[in-house]
Structure formats: structure tokens, C-alpha cells
């Protein structure tokens, strides 16, 4: 994060926020270090192969094609990966022809990119294909303005670079389970933070904090979308790369949890909105309601452990059922509209978390209806 962001985080939320953001940064590094290594290896191999096979002294086009393609093909289907690679080759070739005809410059660059994308669009309609053609054409126009003739060299180098990228991605793929786990952790951390802030806002009757928690809950949607992307990409890696086939099982486990997490995030967003209404209309809420929402936050945090150890869902279920029971108990003393709305959302979120922790829909619903019996049954396991 930027220096100004660090200063602002320290000022508003203290060291805990900085520590959380630092952990996320290192998590991104852990997840991305392998693709970085893949890209470096693919560029070096593409340069070396073009030099040996084609006899080129400075085959930078092969290296460029490898760098562009390695990021594009990660997590894609084979068809889409080949589409990206061919888009690179077409863009380079068209740029070569146009540069020979009209030279280089600001106007020429725009013409080169536009015509390269138009030609790619005529060849194939895929957005990846013609977008990548435009990017490749732009790189050639900027990196090599001294073109003095037309030859098939660029096209051959581009195909070789893209082929090397495909081979490296298939032979040495990134870890799809790690990517899914890190993306899931981000969702859980964001969701737990929003729930904790809603609980604190209700305890103190803090409208500003309640509105902040609502904003946080809304932002979790972006983390869920990122998780979906990582799961889709992970499935593609596991299916098309034999060394990663063993990750299909863990990915299915994360995908099942992601569906319920999506529902939990939506319910938490409605819960945060209900908390804003409660604070605005009545100030501080009954203590049991705030404790119930805090219990949901604890269940969310425990879910991270369950996803790594699916054979031990006890903590998630304990906290989720406790939250549902605590919230329901408030109706005996506070049955106004605002309290009732919060109770409904606590129970709905708890239901989603129970299913994320491996319960079936009917089993989870029955547990919410009879939390004490379900808690005793869970303790006996």
C-alpha cells in the first residue's frame, strides 16, 4: 500500500489495520511469486529457442510474446489460451506490415493499433484475440521504430514465444489451491471486520461506525468476485495440467464454501444496514444483539480453520448456533421492528455459515430452530 495509505490507516484504525494489510500484501506475494517465476523462465526460454532455431541475434519479439502470453493463459481454457497467443502473433505481424508502409509516430501508432485490432476482428471475433492483437501492435510500434522491411520473422518469433508460454504454464502451473485459500481468507477477514464493527457500533450507539461497517460489508462483494475468479482459474489449471489434477478435490471444497459465503456476505450487508437503522432510530442496541453479531464474526474467523481442516467444523457451528440463540433470546425483552430485523439477519447469516461448514440445508435449518440440541449433539461428536 502507498505511504499515504499507511499513514491514514494508522490514524484511523491503528496498527491492527496496518498489520492486516501487510499480511494481505505478503499473501499476494506468495500467490504471485510462482507466476512471476514462470514469466521469467518463459521469456528466457523463448529468447534462447528463437536464437537457436531461427538464428536471430536479438529475438526480443519472442520474449515479448512469452511475457504477454504467460499471464494471459494462466487459468484459461486451452482454446482461450491459444486465442491469446495467436492474437499476439497477428498483432505483431500486422504492425510490422503497417510500420513498413507508413512509418512511426503518434498518429501512426493509433493507426497501427486500430488496424491490427480490425484485422484480428476479421479473422476471429473473440475479444481476447483482437485486444491482444492491439496490445502487441502497440509494443512493436514503440519498441522497434527502425523497421526497414517486411519478413515473417516477427510472426515466427511470436508463435514461438506464445508456444513456450503455453508449455511452461502446462508443465509448471501455479498452485490453484493456494490461490483459492488466500482469496477465501480475504473474504473471511473482510466479512469478520464488517461484523465486528457492526457489533461495536450497536454497543456504543455509534452511527458513524455503523455506516462504516455498512460500507465495509458492501466492499466484501469485490473480494467474493475475486474468489470466484481464482476458483475458475484454478479449475482450469487443475483440469489441463496433469501435475495439478490432485487439486480438484480441494477446489471443489472451496467452491462449495464460496457459494454459502456469497449468501453470508449478502445477509451481513443487510444486517449492517439494519444496524445503521437501529443506531439512528434508537441509539445503542440490547447487549445480547451486539454479542450475537460478535458471535457471527467469531464463526467467520473459525471458518478459515475449517476450510483447511474439513474434519473439524465444531468451532464454526458452536459460534454460529450461539449467535442465533443469543439473537433469538432478545425477542423476549425487545420485540420492536428494528430488533426483529436484526434477529432475522443474524439467524440467516448463521444459517449460511453452518452450511459453509458442511451442514446440509435441512440439517442447518433444524439446528437454527433448536440450537441447544444441535450444540449438545455437536459437543458429543
Protein backbone atom coordinates (compact mmCIF):
# COMPACT_ATOMS: atom_id res chain seq x y z
CA UNK A 1 0.00 0.00 0.00
CA UNK A 2 1.12 3.57 -0.60
CA UNK A 3 2.82 5.62 2.17
CA UNK A 4 -0.19 7.92 2.40
CA UNK A 5 -2.41 4.87 2.79
CA UNK A 6 -0.29 3.58 5.65
CA UNK A 7 -0.43 6.93 7.46
CA UNK A 8 -4.19 7.12 7.01
CA UNK A 9 -4.64 3.55 8.21
CA UNK A 10 -2.59 4.21 11.33
CA UNK A 11 -4.50 7.40 12.05
CA UNK A 12 -7.97 5.92 11.61
CA UNK A 13 -7.73 2.29 12.64
CA UNK A 14 -4.40 1.79 14.36
CA UNK A 15 -1.67 -0.83 13.96
CA UNK A 16 -4.13 -3.72 13.58
CA UNK A 17 -5.26 -2.45 10.17
CA UNK A 18 -1.68 -1.95 9.02
CA UNK A 19 -0.82 -5.47 10.15
CA UNK A 20 -3.81 -6.90 8.31
CA UNK A 21 -2.91 -5.05 5.11
CA UNK A 22 0.72 -6.15 5.43
CA UNK A 23 -0.39 -9.77 5.78
CA UNK A 24 -2.52 -9.40 2.66
CA UNK A 25 0.41 -7.93 0.76
CA UNK A 26 2.61 -10.86 1.70
CA UNK A 27 -0.25 -13.19 0.79
CA UNK A 28 -0.41 -11.64 -2.68
CA UNK A 29 3.34 -12.10 -2.97
CA UNK A 30 3.08 -15.75 -2.00
CA UNK A 31 0.30 -16.32 -4.53
CA UNK A 32 2.03 -14.35 -7.29
CA UNK A 33 5.66 -15.36 -6.91
CA UNK A 34 5.17 -18.51 -8.96
CA UNK A 35 3.62 -16.70 -11.97
CA UNK A 36 6.49 -14.22 -11.77
CA UNK A 37 8.98 -17.09 -11.92
CA UNK A 38 7.01 -18.65 -14.78
CA UNK A 39 7.18 -15.41 -16.75
CA UNK A 40 10.92 -15.01 -16.23
CA UNK A 41 11.60 -18.60 -17.29
CA UNK A 42 9.30 -18.36 -20.32
CA UNK A 43 10.96 -15.14 -21.51
CA UNK A 44 14.45 -16.63 -21.19
CA UNK A 45 13.45 -19.86 -22.92
CA UNK A 46 11.65 -18.05 -25.74
CA UNK A 47 14.69 -15.84 -26.40
CA UNK A 48 17.05 -18.83 -26.34
CA UNK A 49 14.89 -21.00 -28.58
CA UNK A 50 14.35 -18.24 -31.13
CA UNK A 51 18.07 -17.56 -31.18
CA UNK A 52 18.91 -21.23 -31.74
CA UNK A 53 16.07 -22.35 -34.01
CA UNK A 54 15.53 -19.15 -36.05
CA UNK A 55 19.09 -17.86 -35.84
CA UNK A 56 18.07 -14.37 -34.68
CA UNK A 57 20.62 -12.28 -32.81
CA UNK A 58 18.12 -10.28 -30.72
CA UNK A 59 14.78 -12.14 -30.69
CA UNK A 60 13.06 -9.71 -28.35
CA UNK A 61 9.70 -10.31 -30.05
CA UNK A 62 9.73 -13.93 -28.88
CA UNK A 63 10.42 -12.81 -25.33
CA UNK A 64 7.66 -10.16 -25.51
CA UNK A 65 5.17 -12.72 -26.80
CA UNK A 66 6.09 -15.09 -23.98
CA UNK A 67 5.69 -12.41 -21.30
CA UNK A 68 2.31 -11.29 -22.66
CA UNK A 69 1.03 -14.81 -23.13
CA UNK A 70 2.14 -16.31 -19.81
CA UNK A 71 -0.13 -14.03 -17.83
CA UNK A 72 -2.98 -14.37 -20.27
CA UNK A 73 -3.04 -18.17 -20.45
CA UNK A 74 -2.93 -18.74 -16.69
CA UNK A 75 -6.20 -20.29 -15.63
CA UNK A 76 -7.73 -20.13 -19.11
CA UNK A 77 -9.14 -22.93 -21.20
CA UNK A 78 -6.86 -24.31 -23.88
CA UNK A 79 -8.93 -22.63 -26.59
CA UNK A 80 -8.75 -19.23 -24.95
CA UNK A 81 -5.04 -19.63 -24.26
CA UNK A 82 -4.35 -20.38 -27.92
CA UNK A 83 -6.56 -17.44 -28.85
CA UNK A 84 -4.41 -15.13 -26.74
CA UNK A 85 -1.22 -16.50 -28.30
CA UNK A 86 -2.47 -16.13 -31.87
CA UNK A 87 -3.64 -12.60 -31.05
CA UNK A 88 -0.07 -11.71 -30.10
CA UNK A 89 1.27 -13.13 -33.34
CA UNK A 90 -1.33 -11.39 -35.51
CA UNK A 91 -0.76 -8.05 -33.79
CA UNK A 92 2.98 -8.23 -34.29
CA UNK A 93 2.68 -9.21 -37.93
CA UNK A 94 0.11 -6.56 -38.84
CA UNK A 95 2.13 -3.92 -37.00
CA UNK A 96 5.20 -4.94 -39.00
CA UNK A 97 3.37 -4.51 -42.30
CA UNK A 98 1.79 -1.17 -41.38
CA UNK A 99 5.01 0.29 -39.99
CA UNK A 100 6.77 -0.56 -43.24
CA UNK A 101 4.08 1.32 -45.15
CA UNK A 102 3.56 4.44 -43.02
CA UNK A 103 6.46 4.61 -40.54
CA UNK A 104 6.07 5.53 -36.87
CA UNK A 105 4.79 8.45 -34.82
CA UNK A 106 1.79 9.37 -32.64
CA UNK A 107 -0.74 9.24 -35.45
CA UNK A 108 0.85 6.18 -37.00
CA UNK A 109 0.74 4.40 -33.64
CA UNK A 110 -3.01 4.91 -33.40
CA UNK A 111 -3.45 3.69 -36.97
CA UNK A 112 -1.25 0.65 -36.31
CA UNK A 113 -3.19 -0.38 -33.21
CA UNK A 114 -6.59 0.24 -34.79
CA UNK A 115 -5.82 -1.67 -37.98
CA UNK A 116 -4.19 -4.55 -36.09
CA UNK A 117 -7.32 -4.95 -33.98
CA UNK A 118 -9.57 -4.63 -37.04
CA UNK A 119 -7.65 -7.35 -38.89
CA UNK A 120 -7.81 -9.60 -35.82
CA UNK A 121 -11.55 -8.96 -35.55
CA UNK A 122 -11.98 -10.01 -39.18
CA UNK A 123 -10.07 -13.21 -38.51
CA UNK A 124 -11.85 -14.10 -35.26
CA UNK A 125 -14.44 -12.36 -33.09
CA UNK A 126 -13.07 -13.23 -29.66
CA UNK A 127 -12.43 -10.12 -27.57
CA UNK A 128 -9.21 -11.61 -26.22
CA UNK A 129 -7.93 -12.23 -29.71
CA UNK A 130 -8.33 -8.71 -31.06
CA UNK A 131 -7.48 -6.95 -27.80
CA UNK A 132 -4.21 -8.83 -27.56
CA UNK A 133 -3.51 -8.03 -31.21
CA UNK A 134 -3.80 -4.31 -30.39
CA UNK A 135 -1.52 -4.57 -27.34
CA UNK A 136 1.11 -6.46 -29.30
CA UNK A 137 0.99 -3.98 -32.17
CA UNK A 138 1.47 -1.11 -29.73
CA UNK A 139 4.51 -2.76 -28.20
CA UNK A 140 6.15 -3.26 -31.56
CA UNK A 141 5.38 0.29 -32.65
CA UNK A 142 7.01 1.65 -29.52
CA UNK A 143 9.93 -0.70 -29.15
CA UNK A 144 11.19 -1.02 -32.68
CA UNK A 145 10.67 2.12 -34.76
CA UNK A 146 13.56 1.32 -37.13
CA UNK A 147 11.83 -1.35 -39.13
CA UNK A 148 13.09 -1.26 -42.69
CA UNK A 149 11.44 -4.20 -44.30
CA UNK A 150 8.84 -6.92 -44.07
CA UNK A 151 9.67 -10.50 -43.14
CA UNK A 152 7.96 -13.43 -41.42
CA UNK A 153 10.44 -13.22 -38.55
CA UNK A 154 8.16 -11.40 -36.14
CA UNK A 155 5.30 -13.81 -36.72
CA UNK A 156 7.52 -16.85 -36.19
CA UNK A 157 9.06 -15.35 -33.07
CA UNK A 158 5.62 -14.53 -31.69
CA UNK A 159 4.36 -18.05 -32.28
CA UNK A 160 7.46 -19.47 -30.63
CA UNK A 161 7.14 -17.16 -27.63
CA UNK A 162 3.46 -17.99 -27.21
CA UNK A 163 4.16 -21.70 -27.59
CA UNK A 164 6.82 -21.53 -24.89
CA UNK A 165 4.35 -19.73 -22.61
CA UNK A 166 1.77 -22.46 -23.13
CA UNK A 167 4.33 -25.17 -22.44
CA UNK A 168 5.68 -23.51 -19.28
CA UNK A 169 2.16 -22.89 -17.94
CA UNK A 170 1.18 -26.51 -18.52
CA UNK A 171 4.39 -28.06 -17.21
CA UNK A 172 4.90 -25.76 -14.20
CA UNK A 173 1.48 -24.39 -13.22
CA UNK A 174 0.81 -22.26 -10.17
CA UNK A 175 -0.81 -23.78 -7.07
CA UNK A 176 -4.58 -23.41 -7.56
CA UNK A 177 -5.45 -24.47 -4.01
CA UNK A 178 -3.16 -21.81 -2.54
CA UNK A 179 -4.73 -19.13 -4.72
CA UNK A 180 -8.22 -20.18 -3.66
CA UNK A 181 -7.23 -20.34 0.01
CA UNK A 182 -5.70 -16.87 0.02
CA UNK A 183 -8.71 -15.40 -1.79
CA UNK A 184 -11.04 -17.07 0.71
CA UNK A 185 -9.05 -15.68 3.62
CA UNK A 186 -9.53 -12.18 2.26
CA UNK A 187 -13.31 -12.69 2.08
CA UNK A 188 -13.40 -14.04 5.63
CA UNK A 189 -11.25 -11.25 7.04
CA UNK A 190 -13.33 -8.55 5.37
CA UNK A 191 -16.60 -10.15 6.46
CA UNK A 192 -15.43 -10.60 10.07
CA UNK A 193 -14.27 -6.98 10.20
CA UNK A 194 -17.65 -5.70 8.99
CA UNK A 195 -19.49 -7.82 11.57
CA UNK A 196 -17.21 -6.74 14.42
CA UNK A 197 -17.68 -3.09 13.52
CA UNK A 198 -21.48 -3.54 13.41
CA UNK A 199 -21.34 -5.11 16.86
CA UNK A 200 -19.20 -2.29 18.24
CA UNK A 201 -21.49 0.33 16.68
CA UNK A 202 -24.53 -1.23 18.34
CA UNK A 203 -22.81 -1.37 21.72
CA UNK A 204 -21.80 2.29 21.64
CA UNK A 205 -24.67 3.67 19.58
CA UNK A 206 -22.04 4.98 17.15
CA UNK A 207 -23.79 5.96 13.91
CA UNK A 208 -20.54 6.80 12.09
CA UNK A 209 -19.09 3.38 12.88
CA UNK A 210 -22.36 1.69 11.87
CA UNK A 211 -22.25 3.43 8.48
CA UNK A 212 -18.59 2.49 8.12
CA UNK A 213 -19.43 -1.16 8.77
CA UNK A 214 -22.12 -0.97 6.08
CA UNK A 215 -19.55 0.35 3.61
CA UNK A 216 -17.18 -2.45 4.62
CA UNK A 217 -19.91 -5.05 4.10
CA UNK A 218 -20.60 -3.70 0.63
CA UNK A 219 -16.93 -3.90 -0.29
CA UNK A 220 -16.79 -7.61 0.52
CA UNK A 221 -18.58 -8.25 -2.78
CA UNK A 222 -15.35 -7.40 -4.60
CA UNK A 223 -13.47 -9.99 -2.53
CA UNK A 224 -16.13 -12.60 -3.34
CA UNK A 225 -15.81 -11.81 -7.06
CA UNK A 226 -12.04 -12.24 -6.80
CA UNK A 227 -12.56 -15.60 -5.09
CA UNK A 228 -14.83 -16.71 -7.94
CA UNK A 229 -12.13 -15.73 -10.45
CA UNK A 230 -9.48 -17.67 -8.56
CA UNK A 231 -11.70 -20.74 -8.39
CA UNK A 232 -12.48 -20.59 -12.12
CA UNK A 233 -8.81 -20.18 -12.95
CA UNK A 234 -7.82 -22.89 -10.50
CA UNK A 235 -10.22 -25.38 -12.08
CA UNK A 236 -8.74 -24.68 -15.50
CA UNK A 237 -5.21 -25.19 -14.19
CA UNK A 238 -6.14 -28.42 -12.43
CA UNK A 239 -8.01 -29.85 -15.41
CA UNK A 240 -5.46 -29.09 -18.09
CA UNK A 241 -2.25 -29.59 -16.15
CA UNK A 242 -1.59 -33.21 -15.05
CA UNK A 243 0.69 -32.16 -12.12
CA UNK A 244 -2.22 -30.22 -10.60
CA UNK A 245 -5.06 -32.72 -11.02
CA UNK A 246 -4.91 -33.58 -7.31
CA UNK A 247 -6.14 -30.06 -6.53
CA UNK A 248 -9.61 -30.69 -7.99
CA UNK A 249 -10.86 -32.06 -4.67
CA UNK A 250 -9.73 -29.11 -2.51
CA UNK A 251 -11.03 -26.67 -5.13
CA UNK A 252 -14.46 -28.31 -5.02
CA UNK A 253 -14.39 -27.92 -1.24
CA UNK A 254 -13.62 -24.20 -1.54
CA UNK A 255 -16.21 -23.76 -4.28
CA UNK A 256 -18.94 -25.24 -2.07
CA UNK A 257 -17.98 -22.94 0.77
CA UNK A 258 -17.81 -19.96 -1.61
CA UNK A 259 -21.47 -20.38 -2.57
CA UNK A 260 -22.56 -20.14 1.06
CA UNK A 261 -20.09 -17.35 1.77
CA UNK A 262 -21.70 -15.36 -1.01
CA UNK A 263 -25.06 -15.70 0.74
CA UNK A 264 -23.48 -14.86 4.11
CA UNK A 265 -21.96 -11.70 2.67
CA UNK A 266 -25.34 -10.59 1.32
CA UNK A 267 -27.03 -11.27 4.66
CA UNK A 268 -24.25 -9.45 6.51
CA UNK A 269 -24.78 -6.45 4.25
CA UNK A 270 -28.48 -6.39 5.11
CA UNK A 271 -27.56 -6.88 8.78
CA UNK A 272 -25.20 -3.89 8.63
CA UNK A 273 -27.96 -1.79 7.08
CA UNK A 274 -30.33 -2.87 9.86
CA UNK A 275 -27.67 -1.90 12.41
CA UNK A 276 -27.48 1.58 10.90
CA UNK A 277 -31.25 1.90 11.20
CA UNK A 278 -31.18 0.67 14.79
CA UNK A 279 -28.49 3.15 15.84
CA UNK A 280 -30.15 6.02 14.00
CA UNK A 281 -33.58 5.33 15.49
CA UNK A 282 -32.79 4.00 18.97
CA UNK A 283 -29.12 4.56 19.72
CA UNK A 284 -27.39 1.63 21.43
CA UNK A 285 -28.94 -1.81 20.93
CA UNK A 286 -29.59 -4.53 23.51
CA UNK A 287 -26.34 -6.13 24.60
CA UNK A 288 -27.41 -9.60 23.51
CA UNK A 289 -27.83 -8.47 19.90
CA UNK A 290 -24.34 -6.99 19.78
CA UNK A 291 -22.94 -10.17 21.33
CA UNK A 292 -24.80 -12.28 18.78
CA UNK A 293 -23.24 -10.35 15.90
CA UNK A 294 -19.83 -10.71 17.52
CA UNK A 295 -20.50 -14.44 17.66
CA UNK A 296 -21.05 -14.40 13.90
CA UNK A 297 -17.67 -12.71 13.48
CA UNK A 298 -16.06 -15.48 15.55
CA UNK A 299 -17.80 -18.11 13.42
CA UNK A 300 -16.45 -16.47 10.26
CA UNK A 301 -12.92 -16.48 11.67
CA UNK A 302 -13.26 -20.13 12.70
CA UNK A 303 -14.40 -20.99 9.17
CA UNK A 304 -10.87 -20.36 7.91
CA UNK A 305 -9.65 -23.21 10.10
CA UNK A 306 -12.46 -25.48 8.97
CA UNK A 307 -11.64 -24.95 5.30
CA UNK A 308 -8.08 -26.12 5.95
CA UNK A 309 -9.26 -28.98 8.18
CA UNK A 310 -12.73 -30.03 6.96
CA UNK A 311 -12.92 -32.80 9.55
CA UNK A 312 -13.22 -30.27 12.38
CA UNK A 313 -16.23 -27.95 11.95
CA UNK A 314 -17.10 -27.77 15.66
CA UNK A 315 -15.96 -24.20 16.34
CA UNK A 316 -17.83 -22.73 13.39
CA UNK A 317 -21.03 -24.46 14.37
CA UNK A 318 -20.62 -23.57 18.05
CA UNK A 319 -20.25 -19.85 17.38
CA UNK A 320 -22.93 -19.71 14.67
CA UNK A 321 -25.51 -21.55 16.78
CA UNK A 322 -24.63 -19.46 19.81
CA UNK A 323 -25.16 -16.30 17.79
CA UNK A 324 -28.57 -17.48 16.57
CA UNK A 325 -29.67 -18.46 20.07
CA UNK A 326 -28.40 -15.19 21.60
CA UNK A 327 -30.19 -13.10 18.98
CA UNK A 328 -33.47 -15.01 19.35
CA UNK A 329 -33.37 -14.56 23.13
CA UNK A 330 -33.52 -10.78 22.75
CA UNK A 331 -37.07 -11.03 21.38
CA UNK A 332 -38.34 -11.86 24.87
CA UNK A 333 -37.46 -8.33 26.02
CA UNK A 334 -37.12 -6.30 22.79
CA UNK A 335 -39.58 -7.14 20.03
CA UNK A 336 -39.61 -3.80 18.23
CA UNK A 337 -39.23 -3.67 14.46
CA UNK A 338 -35.53 -2.71 14.47
CA UNK A 339 -34.56 -5.51 16.87
CA UNK A 340 -36.64 -8.06 14.97
CA UNK A 341 -34.93 -7.13 11.69
CA UNK A 342 -31.51 -7.66 13.25
CA UNK A 343 -32.55 -11.01 14.74
CA UNK A 344 -33.74 -12.24 11.35
CA UNK A 345 -30.43 -11.32 9.72
CA UNK A 346 -28.33 -12.86 12.47
CA UNK A 347 -30.21 -16.13 12.07
CA UNK A 348 -29.93 -16.00 8.26
CA UNK A 349 -26.19 -15.35 8.40
CA UNK A 350 -25.74 -18.13 10.94
CA UNK A 351 -27.63 -20.48 8.63
CA UNK A 352 -25.28 -19.64 5.75
CA UNK A 353 -22.19 -20.18 7.92
CA UNK A 354 -23.47 -23.56 9.13
CA UNK A 355 -23.86 -24.70 5.53
CA UNK A 356 -20.41 -23.33 4.67
CA UNK A 357 -19.13 -25.55 7.49
CA UNK A 358 -20.55 -28.67 5.88
CA UNK A 359 -24.14 -28.90 7.11
CA UNK A 360 -26.90 -29.70 4.67
CA UNK A 361 -29.71 -27.15 4.19
CA UNK A 362 -32.30 -29.12 6.19
CA UNK A 363 -29.83 -30.01 8.92
CA UNK A 364 -28.70 -26.39 9.25
CA UNK A 365 -32.29 -25.10 9.38
CA UNK A 366 -33.20 -27.63 12.05
CA UNK A 367 -30.10 -26.64 14.05
CA UNK A 368 -31.11 -22.97 13.91
CA UNK A 369 -34.60 -23.85 15.14
CA UNK A 370 -33.22 -25.94 18.01
CA UNK A 371 -29.74 -24.56 18.70
CA UNK A 372 -29.29 -26.12 22.15
CA UNK A 373 -29.98 -29.65 20.94
CA UNK A 374 -27.68 -29.13 17.95
CA UNK A 375 -24.94 -27.76 20.21
CA UNK A 376 -25.19 -30.78 22.50
CA UNK A 377 -25.08 -33.12 19.52
CA UNK A 378 -22.01 -31.33 18.17
CA UNK A 379 -20.24 -31.50 21.53
CA UNK A 380 -20.85 -35.24 21.65
CA UNK A 381 -19.04 -35.79 18.35
